[in-house]
Amino acid sequence: MKELQAIVGHLNGAKRGGVLATLVTVEGSSYRKPGARMLVTEDGLRIGSISGGCLEEDLIERSGHVSATGLAELAVYDTTADNDLLWGVGLGCHGVIRVLLEPVRASPDWAAAVADNFRAGRATDLAVVWGGPGPRGTFLREGRAAARLAAAGVFLETVEPLVSLSIFGAGDGARPLARLARELGWRVSVADPRPALATEARFPGVASLVTAPADELVARAQPAPGSLAVIMTHHYVHDRPLLRHLLPLPLAYLGMLGAKGRSERILAELSQEGFAATPEMLARLHAPVGLDLGAEGPEEVALCIIAEMMAVLAGRDGRPLRERTLPIHA
């Protein structure tokens, strides 16, 4: 997602365009899945990637021809043959990969729409036409490509809204978590009852900073449905009302820092007060938060938390890839 953010950001702010490479189909194995993109600007800047570094140089060379002719073209890389390691691009992935290279101008309609929808938290439907008669390229799905959606040679894509993470707690442990989430292109908000901690100097570049009493903090922060949230104030008196107000929300993920017995105690106290957490609420709760990676220190803990969030969003269990029997991108 960050890759597309960077490409869209460049196109919307540039005076000149470039050549956009989009991975549109994969048969067999590939390092990236359809939707991966790389922009080669007219100034020679490269943004994004299509593979692990095997195809990029060839695509950059091909982009020169596309830029000169102004016509889109399809690059096909067949790495199924054994001699590809010697005579091909050396992918060793045993797959057939198709990449559309298209000339793009500055501020194309679809890029402006993606940027607007990122800001508004909406999805964007795109169609990348790579085969058949007529113009090839990237279009908004309701635009010029709409009549061709049923035909072969069209890659349909829904660009989802940015992942949104609300961090409740602005202590030192929250800072690497916010940095790592922003590095992934996520939209990060930080909320804390202590104004001295929730500052721009401590959390540069976050989408919002919220301060309020702990009992009002969730209502002020307003985590969106389907978003991620973590409670990490390190203070029982703050964590208790935060968990009470976050549990009923339709979040994709709710994590809470601290020992398992601590969260169980809070849940028991809330139950005694008449708040009964449903099985659906408890299924969303990850307490203690994070995968068991043997973390020590704030940066490593942040990595464990982000890793668990990614697994939940992808519907994975976090096991080593060597134990996976299905394709990685399935």
C-alpha atoms as a PDB file:
ATOM      1  CA  MET A   1       0.000   0.000   0.000  1.00  0.00           C
ATOM      2  CA  LYS A   2       2.825   2.397   0.777  1.00  0.00           C
ATOM      3  CA  GLU A   3       4.193   1.754  -2.704  1.00  0.00           C
ATOM      4  CA  LEU A   4       0.945   2.926  -4.320  1.00  0.00           C
ATOM      5  CA  GLN A   5       0.791   5.886  -1.931  1.00  0.00           C
ATOM      6  CA  ALA A   6       4.221   6.998  -3.118  1.00  0.00           C
ATOM      7  CA  ILE A   7       3.359   6.549  -6.802  1.00  0.00           C
ATOM      8  CA  VAL A   8       0.062   8.394  -6.491  1.00  0.00           C
ATOM      9  CA  GLY A   9       1.694  11.130  -4.445  1.00  0.00           C
ATOM     10  CA  HIS A  10       4.349  11.674  -7.097  1.00  0.00           C
ATOM     11  CA  LEU A  11       1.920  11.687 -10.021  1.00  0.00           C
ATOM     12  CA  ASN A  12      -0.430  14.120  -8.312  1.00  0.00           C
ATOM     13  CA  GLY A  13       2.367  16.514  -7.413  1.00  0.00           C
ATOM     14  CA  ALA A  14       4.544  16.272 -10.514  1.00  0.00           C
ATOM     15  CA  LYS A  15       4.558  18.445 -13.615  1.00  0.00           C
ATOM     16  CA  ARG A  16       5.523  15.504 -15.795  1.00  0.00           C
ATOM     17  CA  GLY A  17       4.507  11.853 -15.770  1.00  0.00           C
ATOM     18  CA  GLY A  18       6.471   8.793 -16.762  1.00  0.00           C
ATOM     19  CA  VAL A  19       5.931   5.097 -17.430  1.00  0.00           C
ATOM     20  CA  LEU A  20       3.923   2.953 -15.028  1.00  0.00           C
ATOM     21  CA  ALA A  21       4.586  -0.791 -14.837  1.00  0.00           C
ATOM     22  CA  THR A  22       1.794  -2.890 -13.331  1.00  0.00           C
ATOM     23  CA  LEU A  23       1.956  -6.618 -12.617  1.00  0.00           C
ATOM     24  CA  VAL A  24      -1.354  -7.798 -14.107  1.00  0.00           C
ATOM     25  CA  THR A  25      -1.222 -11.604 -14.160  1.00  0.00           C
ATOM     26  CA  VAL A  26       0.785 -14.390 -12.550  1.00  0.00           C
ATOM     27  CA  GLU A  27       0.678 -18.052 -13.541  1.00  0.00           C
ATOM     28  CA  GLY A  28       2.593 -20.236 -11.115  1.00  0.00           C
ATOM     29  CA  SER A  29       4.983 -18.606  -8.660  1.00  0.00           C
ATOM     30  CA  SER A  30       6.047 -14.977  -8.363  1.00  0.00           C
ATOM     31  CA  TYR A  31       7.793 -12.766  -5.818  1.00  0.00           C
ATOM     32  CA  ARG A  32       4.938 -10.213  -6.011  1.00  0.00           C
ATOM     33  CA  LYS A  33       1.236 -10.611  -6.670  1.00  0.00           C
ATOM     34  CA  PRO A  34      -0.910  -8.785  -9.251  1.00  0.00           C
ATOM     35  CA  GLY A  35      -1.269  -5.119  -8.422  1.00  0.00           C
ATOM     36  CA  ALA A  36       2.433  -4.519  -7.705  1.00  0.00           C
ATOM     37  CA  ARG A  37       3.567  -1.324  -9.430  1.00  0.00           C
ATOM     38  CA  MET A  38       6.694   0.579 -10.392  1.00  0.00           C
ATOM     39  CA  LEU A  39       6.793   4.112 -11.763  1.00  0.00           C
ATOM     40  CA  VAL A  40       9.724   5.244 -13.887  1.00  0.00           C
ATOM     41  CA  THR A  41       9.566   9.021 -14.038  1.00  0.00           C
ATOM     42  CA  GLU A  42      10.774  11.169 -16.918  1.00  0.00           C
ATOM     43  CA  ASP A  43      13.558  12.326 -14.620  1.00  0.00           C
ATOM     44  CA  GLY A  44      14.760   8.750 -14.182  1.00  0.00           C
ATOM     45  CA  LEU A  45      13.390   8.255 -10.680  1.00  0.00           C
ATOM     46  CA  ARG A  46      12.104   4.771  -9.829  1.00  0.00           C
ATOM     47  CA  ILE A  47       9.265   4.380  -7.336  1.00  0.00           C
ATOM     48  CA  GLY A  48       8.043   0.926  -6.308  1.00  0.00           C
ATOM     49  CA  SER A  49       8.984  -2.532  -7.538  1.00  0.00           C
ATOM     50  CA  ILE A  50       7.593  -5.470  -9.491  1.00  0.00           C
ATOM     51  CA  SER A  51       9.877  -8.256  -8.315  1.00  0.00           C
ATOM     52  CA  GLY A  52      12.667  -8.858  -5.860  1.00  0.00           C
ATOM     53  CA  GLY A  53      15.026  -6.961  -8.153  1.00  0.00           C
ATOM     54  CA  CYS A  54      15.164  -9.383 -11.098  1.00  0.00           C
ATOM     55  CA  LEU A  55      12.834  -7.614 -13.529  1.00  0.00           C
ATOM     56  CA  GLU A  56      13.340  -3.977 -12.703  1.00  0.00           C
ATOM     57  CA  GLU A  57      16.346  -3.274 -14.931  1.00  0.00           C
ATOM     58  CA  ASP A  58      14.685  -4.865 -17.941  1.00  0.00           C
ATOM     59  CA  LEU A  59      11.459  -2.959 -17.289  1.00  0.00           C
ATOM     60  CA  ILE A  60      13.359   0.321 -16.988  1.00  0.00           C
ATOM     61  CA  GLU A  61      14.960  -0.356 -20.374  1.00  0.00           C
ATOM     62  CA  ARG A  62      11.564  -1.185 -21.903  1.00  0.00           C
ATOM     63  CA  SER A  63      10.057   1.958 -20.388  1.00  0.00           C
ATOM     64  CA  GLY A  64      12.326   4.047 -22.581  1.00  0.00           C
ATOM     65  CA  HIS A  65      10.637   2.628 -25.668  1.00  0.00           C
ATOM     66  CA  VAL A  66       7.168   3.158 -24.188  1.00  0.00           C
ATOM     67  CA  SER A  67       8.033   6.750 -23.357  1.00  0.00           C
ATOM     68  CA  ALA A  68       9.351   7.368 -26.851  1.00  0.00           C
ATOM     69  CA  THR A  69       6.342   5.876 -28.678  1.00  0.00           C
ATOM     70  CA  GLY A  70       3.654   6.931 -26.217  1.00  0.00           C
ATOM     71  CA  LEU A  71       2.084   3.476 -26.568  1.00  0.00           C
ATOM     72  CA  ALA A  72       1.500   0.911 -23.844  1.00  0.00           C
ATOM     73  CA  GLU A  73       3.056  -2.520 -24.244  1.00  0.00           C
ATOM     74  CA  LEU A  74       2.901  -5.838 -22.436  1.00  0.00           C
ATOM     75  CA  ALA A  75       6.052  -7.528 -21.152  1.00  0.00           C
ATOM     76  CA  VAL A  76       5.809 -11.289 -20.611  1.00  0.00           C
ATOM     77  CA  TYR A  77       8.379 -13.155 -18.529  1.00  0.00           C
ATOM     78  CA  ASP A  78       8.188 -16.951 -18.737  1.00  0.00           C
ATOM     79  CA  THR A  79      10.362 -18.447 -16.020  1.00  0.00           C
ATOM     80  CA  THR A  80       8.967 -21.966 -16.185  1.00  0.00           C
ATOM     81  CA  ALA A  81      11.825 -23.324 -18.298  1.00  0.00           C
ATOM     82  CA  ASP A  82      14.847 -24.714 -16.467  1.00  0.00           C
ATOM     83  CA  ASN A  83      17.233 -22.755 -18.702  1.00  0.00           C
ATOM     84  CA  ASP A  84      15.718 -19.466 -17.553  1.00  0.00           C
ATOM     85  CA  LEU A  85      18.390 -19.316 -14.881  1.00  0.00           C
ATOM     86  CA  LEU A  86      20.966 -19.179 -17.661  1.00  0.00           C
ATOM     87  CA  TRP A  87      19.202 -17.423 -20.538  1.00  0.00           C
ATOM     88  CA  GLY A  88      16.291 -15.587 -18.972  1.00  0.00           C
ATOM     89  CA  VAL A  89      16.023 -12.954 -16.287  1.00  0.00           C
ATOM     90  CA  GLY A  90      17.028 -15.424 -13.601  1.00  0.00           C
ATOM     91  CA  LEU A  91      13.897 -15.317 -11.487  1.00  0.00           C
ATOM     92  CA  GLY A  92      13.858 -19.002 -10.661  1.00  0.00           C
ATOM     93  CA  CYS A  93      10.195 -18.645  -9.673  1.00  0.00           C
ATOM     94  CA  HIS A  94       8.766 -21.048 -12.272  1.00  0.00           C
ATOM     95  CA  GLY A  95       5.905 -18.831 -13.372  1.00  0.00           C
ATOM     96  CA  VAL A  96       4.595 -16.707 -16.234  1.00  0.00           C
ATOM     97  CA  ILE A  97       4.420 -13.030 -15.345  1.00  0.00           C
ATOM     98  CA  ARG A  98       2.741 -10.298 -17.392  1.00  0.00           C
ATOM     99  CA  VAL A  99       3.535  -6.644 -16.775  1.00  0.00           C
ATOM    100  CA  LEU A 100       1.797  -3.752 -18.517  1.00  0.00           C
ATOM    101  CA  LEU A 101       3.929  -0.700 -19.195  1.00  0.00           C
ATOM    102  CA  GLU A 102       1.868   2.400 -19.906  1.00  0.00           C
ATOM    103  CA  PRO A 103       2.747   6.044 -20.409  1.00  0.00           C
ATOM    104  CA  VAL A 104       1.126   8.184 -17.710  1.00  0.00           C
ATOM    105  CA  ARG A 105       0.731  11.927 -17.539  1.00  0.00           C
ATOM    106  CA  ALA A 106       0.924  13.970 -14.389  1.00  0.00           C
ATOM    107  CA  SER A 107      -2.236  13.954 -12.237  1.00  0.00           C
ATOM    108  CA  PRO A 108      -4.218  11.251 -14.059  1.00  0.00           C
ATOM    109  CA  ASP A 109      -7.852  10.946 -12.996  1.00  0.00           C
ATOM    110  CA  TRP A 110      -7.405   7.592 -11.319  1.00  0.00           C
ATOM    111  CA  ALA A 111      -4.436   8.779  -9.221  1.00  0.00           C
ATOM    112  CA  ALA A 112      -6.357  11.831  -8.022  1.00  0.00           C
ATOM    113  CA  ALA A 113      -9.298   9.596  -7.083  1.00  0.00           C
ATOM    114  CA  VAL A 114      -7.063   7.170  -5.167  1.00  0.00           C
ATOM    115  CA  ALA A 115      -5.490  10.033  -3.214  1.00  0.00           C
ATOM    116  CA  ASP A 116      -8.888  11.545  -2.393  1.00  0.00           C
ATOM    117  CA  ASN A 117     -10.212   8.177  -1.255  1.00  0.00           C
ATOM    118  CA  PHE A 118      -7.128   7.514   0.874  1.00  0.00           C
ATOM    119  CA  ARG A 119      -7.811  10.766   2.716  1.00  0.00           C
ATOM    120  CA  ALA A 120     -11.510   9.971   3.100  1.00  0.00           C
ATOM    121  CA  GLY A 121     -11.026   6.315   4.086  1.00  0.00           C
ATOM    122  CA  ARG A 122     -12.796   4.967   1.000  1.00  0.00           C
ATOM    123  CA  ALA A 123     -11.954   2.167  -1.437  1.00  0.00           C
ATOM    124  CA  THR A 124     -11.185   2.809  -5.116  1.00  0.00           C
ATOM    125  CA  ASP A 125     -12.138   0.441  -7.940  1.00  0.00           C
ATOM    126  CA  LEU A 126      -9.568   0.338 -10.741  1.00  0.00           C
ATOM    127  CA  ALA A 127      -9.355  -1.542 -14.022  1.00  0.00           C
ATOM    128  CA  VAL A 128      -6.006  -2.131 -15.727  1.00  0.00           C
ATOM    129  CA  VAL A 129      -6.677  -3.013 -19.368  1.00  0.00           C
ATOM    130  CA  TRP A 130      -3.723  -4.972 -20.709  1.00  0.00           C
ATOM    131  CA  GLY A 131      -5.160  -7.001 -23.621  1.00  0.00           C
ATOM    132  CA  GLY A 132      -7.667  -6.872 -26.432  1.00  0.00           C
ATOM    133  CA  PRO A 133      -8.398  -4.065 -28.888  1.00  0.00           C
ATOM    134  CA  GLY A 134      -8.540  -0.437 -27.893  1.00  0.00           C
ATOM    135  CA  PRO A 135      -6.481   1.646 -25.455  1.00  0.00           C
ATOM    136  CA  ARG A 136      -4.569  -0.072 -22.715  1.00  0.00           C
ATOM    137  CA  GLY A 137      -3.814   1.386 -19.317  1.00  0.00           C
ATOM    138  CA  THR A 138      -5.193   2.147 -15.858  1.00  0.00           C
ATOM    139  CA  PHE A 139      -8.701   3.577 -15.529  1.00  0.00           C
ATOM    140  CA  LEU A 140     -11.297   4.155 -12.869  1.00  0.00           C
ATOM    141  CA  ARG A 141     -13.618   1.192 -13.114  1.00  0.00           C
ATOM    142  CA  GLU A 142     -16.673   3.327 -13.817  1.00  0.00           C
ATOM    143  CA  GLY A 143     -14.743   5.191 -16.499  1.00  0.00           C
ATOM    144  CA  ARG A 144     -13.545   4.274 -19.977  1.00  0.00           C
ATOM    145  CA  ALA A 145     -12.835   0.638 -19.113  1.00  0.00           C
ATOM    146  CA  ALA A 146     -16.356  -0.099 -17.848  1.00  0.00           C
ATOM    147  CA  ALA A 147     -17.584  -1.559 -21.139  1.00  0.00           C
ATOM    148  CA  ARG A 148     -14.647  -3.959 -21.292  1.00  0.00           C
ATOM    149  CA  LEU A 149     -14.766  -5.438 -17.816  1.00  0.00           C
ATOM    150  CA  ALA A 150     -16.312  -8.704 -18.991  1.00  0.00           C
ATOM    151  CA  ALA A 151     -13.595  -9.193 -21.607  1.00  0.00           C
ATOM    152  CA  ALA A 152     -10.301 -10.970 -21.164  1.00  0.00           C
ATOM    153  CA  GLY A 153      -7.207  -8.907 -20.636  1.00  0.00           C
ATOM    154  CA  VAL A 154      -8.483  -6.724 -17.783  1.00  0.00           C
ATOM    155  CA  PHE A 155      -7.065  -6.769 -14.256  1.00  0.00           C
ATOM    156  CA  LEU A 156      -9.697  -5.588 -11.779  1.00  0.00           C
ATOM    157  CA  GLU A 157      -8.483  -4.187  -8.499  1.00  0.00           C
ATOM    158  CA  THR A 158     -10.071  -2.653  -5.432  1.00  0.00           C
ATOM    159  CA  VAL A 159      -7.602  -0.381  -3.674  1.00  0.00           C
ATOM    160  CA  GLU A 160      -8.633  -0.627  -0.057  1.00  0.00           C
ATOM    161  CA  PRO A 161      -8.542   2.321   2.347  1.00  0.00           C
ATOM    162  CA  LEU A 162      -5.344   2.835   4.294  1.00  0.00           C
ATOM    163  CA  VAL A 163      -4.948   0.651   7.359  1.00  0.00           C
ATOM    164  CA  SER A 164      -5.881   2.764  10.362  1.00  0.00           C
ATOM    165  CA  LEU A 165      -4.215   2.232  13.747  1.00  0.00           C
ATOM    166  CA  SER A 166      -5.233   3.977  16.975  1.00  0.00           C
ATOM    167  CA  ILE A 167      -2.636   3.800  19.736  1.00  0.00           C
ATOM    168  CA  PHE A 168      -4.053   4.499  23.178  1.00  0.00           C
ATOM    169  CA  GLY A 169      -1.010   5.448  25.170  1.00  0.00           C
ATOM    170  CA  ALA A 170       1.791   7.858  24.301  1.00  0.00           C
ATOM    171  CA  GLY A 171       4.605   6.468  26.403  1.00  0.00           C
ATOM    172  CA  ASP A 172       8.043   5.608  25.068  1.00  0.00           C
ATOM    173  CA  GLY A 173       6.884   2.160  23.948  1.00  0.00           C
ATOM    174  CA  ALA A 174       4.284   3.694  21.653  1.00  0.00           C
ATOM    175  CA  ARG A 175       6.820   5.710  19.678  1.00  0.00           C
ATOM    176  CA  PRO A 176       8.490   2.830  17.758  1.00  0.00           C
ATOM    177  CA  LEU A 177       5.053   1.306  17.164  1.00  0.00           C
ATOM    178  CA  ALA A 178       3.852   4.541  15.560  1.00  0.00           C
ATOM    179  CA  ARG A 179       7.045   4.821  13.490  1.00  0.00           C
ATOM    180  CA  LEU A 180       6.868   1.263  12.206  1.00  0.00           C
ATOM    181  CA  ALA A 181       3.169   1.552  11.354  1.00  0.00           C
ATOM    182  CA  ARG A 182       3.794   4.788   9.441  1.00  0.00           C
ATOM    183  CA  GLU A 183       6.691   3.113   7.605  1.00  0.00           C
ATOM    184  CA  LEU A 184       4.133   0.595   6.350  1.00  0.00           C
ATOM    185  CA  GLY A 185       1.936   3.423   5.083  1.00  0.00           C
ATOM    186  CA  TRP A 186      -0.699   3.062   7.803  1.00  0.00           C
ATOM    187  CA  ARG A 187      -2.717   5.974   9.132  1.00  0.00           C
ATOM    188  CA  VAL A 188      -1.741   6.359  12.789  1.00  0.00           C
ATOM    189  CA  SER A 189      -3.527   8.193  15.594  1.00  0.00           C
ATOM    190  CA  VAL A 190      -2.195   8.535  19.142  1.00  0.00           C
ATOM    191  CA  ALA A 191      -4.417   9.229  22.170  1.00  0.00           C
ATOM    192  CA  ASP A 192      -3.461   9.638  25.821  1.00  0.00           C
ATOM    193  CA  PRO A 193      -4.879  11.268  28.949  1.00  0.00           C
ATOM    194  CA  ARG A 194      -1.490  12.960  29.501  1.00  0.00           C
ATOM    195  CA  PRO A 195      -1.003  16.012  27.236  1.00  0.00           C
ATOM    196  CA  ALA A 196       2.715  16.152  27.995  1.00  0.00           C
ATOM    197  CA  LEU A 197       3.215  12.797  26.223  1.00  0.00           C
ATOM    198  CA  ALA A 198       0.898  13.069  23.220  1.00  0.00           C
ATOM    199  CA  THR A 199       2.869  15.705  21.311  1.00  0.00           C
ATOM    200  CA  GLU A 200       3.977  16.268  17.718  1.00  0.00           C
ATOM    201  CA  ALA A 201       7.591  16.287  18.851  1.00  0.00           C
ATOM    202  CA  ARG A 202       7.255  12.750  20.203  1.00  0.00           C
ATOM    203  CA  PHE A 203       5.034  11.467  17.389  1.00  0.00           C
ATOM    204  CA  PRO A 204       5.942  13.359  14.214  1.00  0.00           C
ATOM    205  CA  GLY A 205       3.759  12.771  11.170  1.00  0.00           C
ATOM    206  CA  VAL A 206       0.867  10.959  12.843  1.00  0.00           C
ATOM    207  CA  ALA A 207      -2.606  11.708  11.505  1.00  0.00           C
ATOM    208  CA  SER A 208      -3.981  12.928  14.834  1.00  0.00           C
ATOM    209  CA  LEU A 209      -3.082  13.463  18.474  1.00  0.00           C
ATOM    210  CA  VAL A 210      -5.897  13.284  21.012  1.00  0.00           C
ATOM    211  CA  THR A 211      -5.840  14.135  24.709  1.00  0.00           C
ATOM    212  CA  ALA A 212      -8.775  13.718  27.095  1.00  0.00           C
ATOM    213  CA  PRO A 213      -9.620  11.938  30.336  1.00  0.00           C
ATOM    214  CA  ALA A 214      -9.321   8.175  29.925  1.00  0.00           C
ATOM    215  CA  ASP A 215     -13.079   7.681  30.178  1.00  0.00           C
ATOM    216  CA  GLU A 216     -13.624  10.086  27.247  1.00  0.00           C
ATOM    217  CA  LEU A 217     -10.607   9.162  25.144  1.00  0.00           C
ATOM    218  CA  VAL A 218     -12.224   6.545  22.885  1.00  0.00           C
ATOM    219  CA  ALA A 219     -15.166   8.806  22.052  1.00  0.00           C
ATOM    220  CA  ARG A 220     -12.752  11.623  21.178  1.00  0.00           C
ATOM    221  CA  ALA A 221     -10.421   9.434  19.111  1.00  0.00           C
ATOM    222  CA  GLN A 222     -13.285   7.731  17.212  1.00  0.00           C
ATOM    223  CA  PRO A 223     -11.561   4.598  15.854  1.00  0.00           C
ATOM    224  CA  ALA A 224     -13.178   3.627  12.567  1.00  0.00           C
ATOM    225  CA  PRO A 225     -15.005   0.313  12.058  1.00  0.00           C
ATOM    226  CA  GLY A 226     -12.587  -2.317  10.805  1.00  0.00           C
ATOM    227  CA  SER A 227      -9.550  -0.450  12.116  1.00  0.00           C
ATOM    228  CA  LEU A 228      -6.830  -1.512  14.561  1.00  0.00           C
ATOM    229  CA  ALA A 229      -6.396  -0.361  18.151  1.00  0.00           C
ATOM    230  CA  VAL A 230      -3.846  -0.993  20.888  1.00  0.00           C
ATOM    231  CA  ILE A 231      -4.060  -0.096  24.574  1.00  0.00           C
ATOM    232  CA  MET A 232      -0.634   0.625  26.028  1.00  0.00           C
ATOM    233  CA  THR A 233      -0.826   3.393  28.614  1.00  0.00           C
ATOM    234  CA  HIS A 234       1.002   1.237  31.203  1.00  0.00           C
ATOM    235  CA  HIS A 235      -1.494   2.469  33.798  1.00  0.00           C
ATOM    236  CA  TYR A 236      -4.223   0.167  35.071  1.00  0.00           C
ATOM    237  CA  VAL A 237      -6.466   3.112  35.935  1.00  0.00           C
ATOM    238  CA  HIS A 238      -6.348   4.273  32.295  1.00  0.00           C
ATOM    239  CA  ASP A 239      -6.439   0.865  30.605  1.00  0.00           C
ATOM    240  CA  ARG A 240      -9.590  -0.202  32.410  1.00  0.00           C
ATOM    241  CA  PRO A 241     -11.982   2.424  30.933  1.00  0.00           C
ATOM    242  CA  LEU A 242     -10.248   2.204  27.566  1.00  0.00           C
ATOM    243  CA  LEU A 243     -10.902  -1.524  27.323  1.00  0.00           C
ATOM    244  CA  ARG A 244     -14.496  -0.996  28.454  1.00  0.00           C
ATOM    245  CA  HIS A 245     -15.167   1.483  25.628  1.00  0.00           C
ATOM    246  CA  LEU A 246     -13.144  -0.254  22.912  1.00  0.00           C
ATOM    247  CA  LEU A 247     -14.490  -3.797  23.330  1.00  0.00           C
ATOM    248  CA  PRO A 248     -17.964  -3.078  21.870  1.00  0.00           C
ATOM    249  CA  LEU A 249     -16.558  -1.355  18.762  1.00  0.00           C
ATOM    250  CA  PRO A 250     -16.454  -3.343  15.469  1.00  0.00           C
ATOM    251  CA  LEU A 251     -12.680  -3.246  15.229  1.00  0.00           C
ATOM    252  CA  ALA A 252     -10.618  -5.628  13.148  1.00  0.00           C
ATOM    253  CA  TYR A 253      -8.129  -5.956  15.977  1.00  0.00           C
ATOM    254  CA  LEU A 254      -7.854  -4.850  19.604  1.00  0.00           C
ATOM    255  CA  GLY A 255      -4.607  -5.421  21.469  1.00  0.00           C
ATOM    256  CA  MET A 256      -3.690  -4.738  25.072  1.00  0.00           C
ATOM    257  CA  LEU A 257      -0.192  -4.570  26.492  1.00  0.00           C
ATOM    258  CA  GLY A 258       0.515  -6.367  29.754  1.00  0.00           C
ATOM    259  CA  ALA A 259       0.336  -9.794  31.310  1.00  0.00           C
ATOM    260  CA  LYS A 260      -2.600 -12.081  30.597  1.00  0.00           C
ATOM    261  CA  GLY A 261      -3.683 -12.011  34.220  1.00  0.00           C
ATOM    262  CA  ARG A 262      -3.926  -8.224  34.073  1.00  0.00           C
ATOM    263  CA  SER A 263      -6.447  -8.207  31.228  1.00  0.00           C
ATOM    264  CA  GLU A 264      -8.378 -11.052  32.838  1.00  0.00           C
ATOM    265  CA  ARG A 265      -8.632  -9.020  36.028  1.00  0.00           C
ATOM    266  CA  ILE A 266      -9.983  -6.006  34.149  1.00  0.00           C
ATOM    267  CA  LEU A 267     -12.548  -8.153  32.338  1.00  0.00           C
ATOM    268  CA  ALA A 268     -13.642  -9.697  35.645  1.00  0.00           C
ATOM    269  CA  GLU A 269     -14.088  -6.277  37.236  1.00  0.00           C
ATOM    270  CA  LEU A 270     -16.064  -5.018  34.249  1.00  0.00           C
ATOM    271  CA  SER A 271     -18.284  -8.095  34.464  1.00  0.00           C
ATOM    272  CA  GLN A 272     -18.974  -7.401  38.133  1.00  0.00           C
ATOM    273  CA  GLU A 273     -20.096  -3.923  37.125  1.00  0.00           C
ATOM    274  CA  GLY A 274     -22.590  -5.358  34.649  1.00  0.00           C
ATOM    275  CA  PHE A 275     -20.527  -5.239  31.452  1.00  0.00           C
ATOM    276  CA  ALA A 276     -20.472  -8.691  29.873  1.00  0.00           C
ATOM    277  CA  ALA A 277     -17.995  -9.113  27.019  1.00  0.00           C
ATOM    278  CA  THR A 278     -19.504 -11.234  24.236  1.00  0.00           C
ATOM    279  CA  PRO A 279     -17.589 -14.017  22.466  1.00  0.00           C
ATOM    280  CA  GLU A 280     -17.297 -11.731  19.423  1.00  0.00           C
ATOM    281  CA  MET A 281     -15.670  -9.027  21.524  1.00  0.00           C
ATOM    282  CA  LEU A 282     -13.245 -11.458  23.129  1.00  0.00           C
ATOM    283  CA  ALA A 283     -12.330 -12.886  19.712  1.00  0.00           C
ATOM    284  CA  ARG A 284     -11.109  -9.444  18.671  1.00  0.00           C
ATOM    285  CA  LEU A 285      -9.079  -8.968  21.851  1.00  0.00           C
ATOM    286  CA  HIS A 286      -5.394  -9.909  21.785  1.00  0.00           C
ATOM    287  CA  ALA A 287      -4.083  -9.762  25.334  1.00  0.00           C
ATOM    288  CA  PRO A 288      -1.184  -9.958  25.760  1.00  0.00           C
ATOM    289  CA  VAL A 289      -0.706  -8.151  22.465  1.00  0.00           C
ATOM    290  CA  GLY A 290       1.737  -9.370  19.808  1.00  0.00           C
ATOM    291  CA  LEU A 291       3.306 -12.559  18.504  1.00  0.00           C
ATOM    292  CA  ASP A 292       5.667 -14.586  20.673  1.00  0.00           C
ATOM    293  CA  LEU A 293       9.005 -13.642  19.093  1.00  0.00           C
ATOM    294  CA  GLY A 294      11.005 -13.356  22.286  1.00  0.00           C
ATOM    295  CA  ALA A 295      10.983  -9.551  22.161  1.00  0.00           C
ATOM    296  CA  GLU A 296      13.011  -7.365  24.498  1.00  0.00           C
ATOM    297  CA  GLY A 297      12.753  -3.579  24.415  1.00  0.00           C
ATOM    298  CA  PRO A 298      10.227  -1.214  22.796  1.00  0.00           C
ATOM    299  CA  GLU A 299      11.372  -1.649  19.197  1.00  0.00           C
ATOM    300  CA  GLU A 300      11.170  -5.439  19.310  1.00  0.00           C
ATOM    301  CA  VAL A 301       7.798  -5.322  21.073  1.00  0.00           C
ATOM    302  CA  ALA A 302       6.531  -2.984  18.359  1.00  0.00           C
ATOM    303  CA  LEU A 303       7.656  -5.489  15.727  1.00  0.00           C
ATOM    304  CA  CYS A 304       5.749  -8.293  17.484  1.00  0.00           C
ATOM    305  CA  ILE A 305       2.593  -6.170  17.638  1.00  0.00           C
ATOM    306  CA  ILE A 306       2.768  -5.136  13.974  1.00  0.00           C
ATOM    307  CA  ALA A 307       3.431  -8.742  12.935  1.00  0.00           C
ATOM    308  CA  GLU A 308       0.332  -9.967  14.752  1.00  0.00           C
ATOM    309  CA  MET A 309      -1.790  -7.192  13.252  1.00  0.00           C
ATOM    310  CA  MET A 310      -0.621  -8.074   9.747  1.00  0.00           C
ATOM    311  CA  ALA A 311      -1.435 -11.737  10.321  1.00  0.00           C
ATOM    312  CA  VAL A 312      -4.940 -10.864  11.514  1.00  0.00           C
ATOM    313  CA  LEU A 313      -5.581  -8.534   8.567  1.00  0.00           C
ATOM    314  CA  ALA A 314      -4.395 -11.209   6.125  1.00  0.00           C
ATOM    315  CA  GLY A 315      -6.245 -14.043   7.850  1.00  0.00           C
ATOM    316  CA  ARG A 316      -2.997 -15.864   8.607  1.00  0.00           C
ATOM    317  CA  ASP A 317      -1.831 -17.591  11.783  1.00  0.00           C
ATOM    318  CA  GLY A 318       1.716 -16.242  11.854  1.00  0.00           C
ATOM    319  CA  ARG A 319       3.417 -19.610  11.365  1.00  0.00           C
ATOM    320  CA  PRO A 320       6.790 -19.877   9.532  1.00  0.00           C
ATOM    321  CA  LEU A 321       6.424 -19.879   5.744  1.00  0.00           C
ATOM    322  CA  ARG A 322       8.322 -23.166   5.532  1.00  0.00           C
ATOM    323  CA  GLU A 323       5.321 -24.811   7.246  1.00  0.00           C
ATOM    324  CA  ARG A 324       2.824 -23.368   4.755  1.00  0.00           C
ATOM    325  CA  THR A 325       1.485 -25.846   2.201  1.00  0.00           C
ATOM    326  CA  LEU A 326      -0.498 -23.326   0.117  1.00  0.00           C
ATOM    327  CA  PRO A 327       1.006 -20.694  -2.202  1.00  0.00           C
ATOM    328  CA  ILE A 328       2.265 -17.648  -0.310  1.00  0.00           C
ATOM    329  CA  HIS A 329      -0.065 -15.255  -2.121  1.00  0.00           C
ATOM    330  CA  ALA A 330      -3.138 -17.520  -1.973  1.00  0.00           C
END
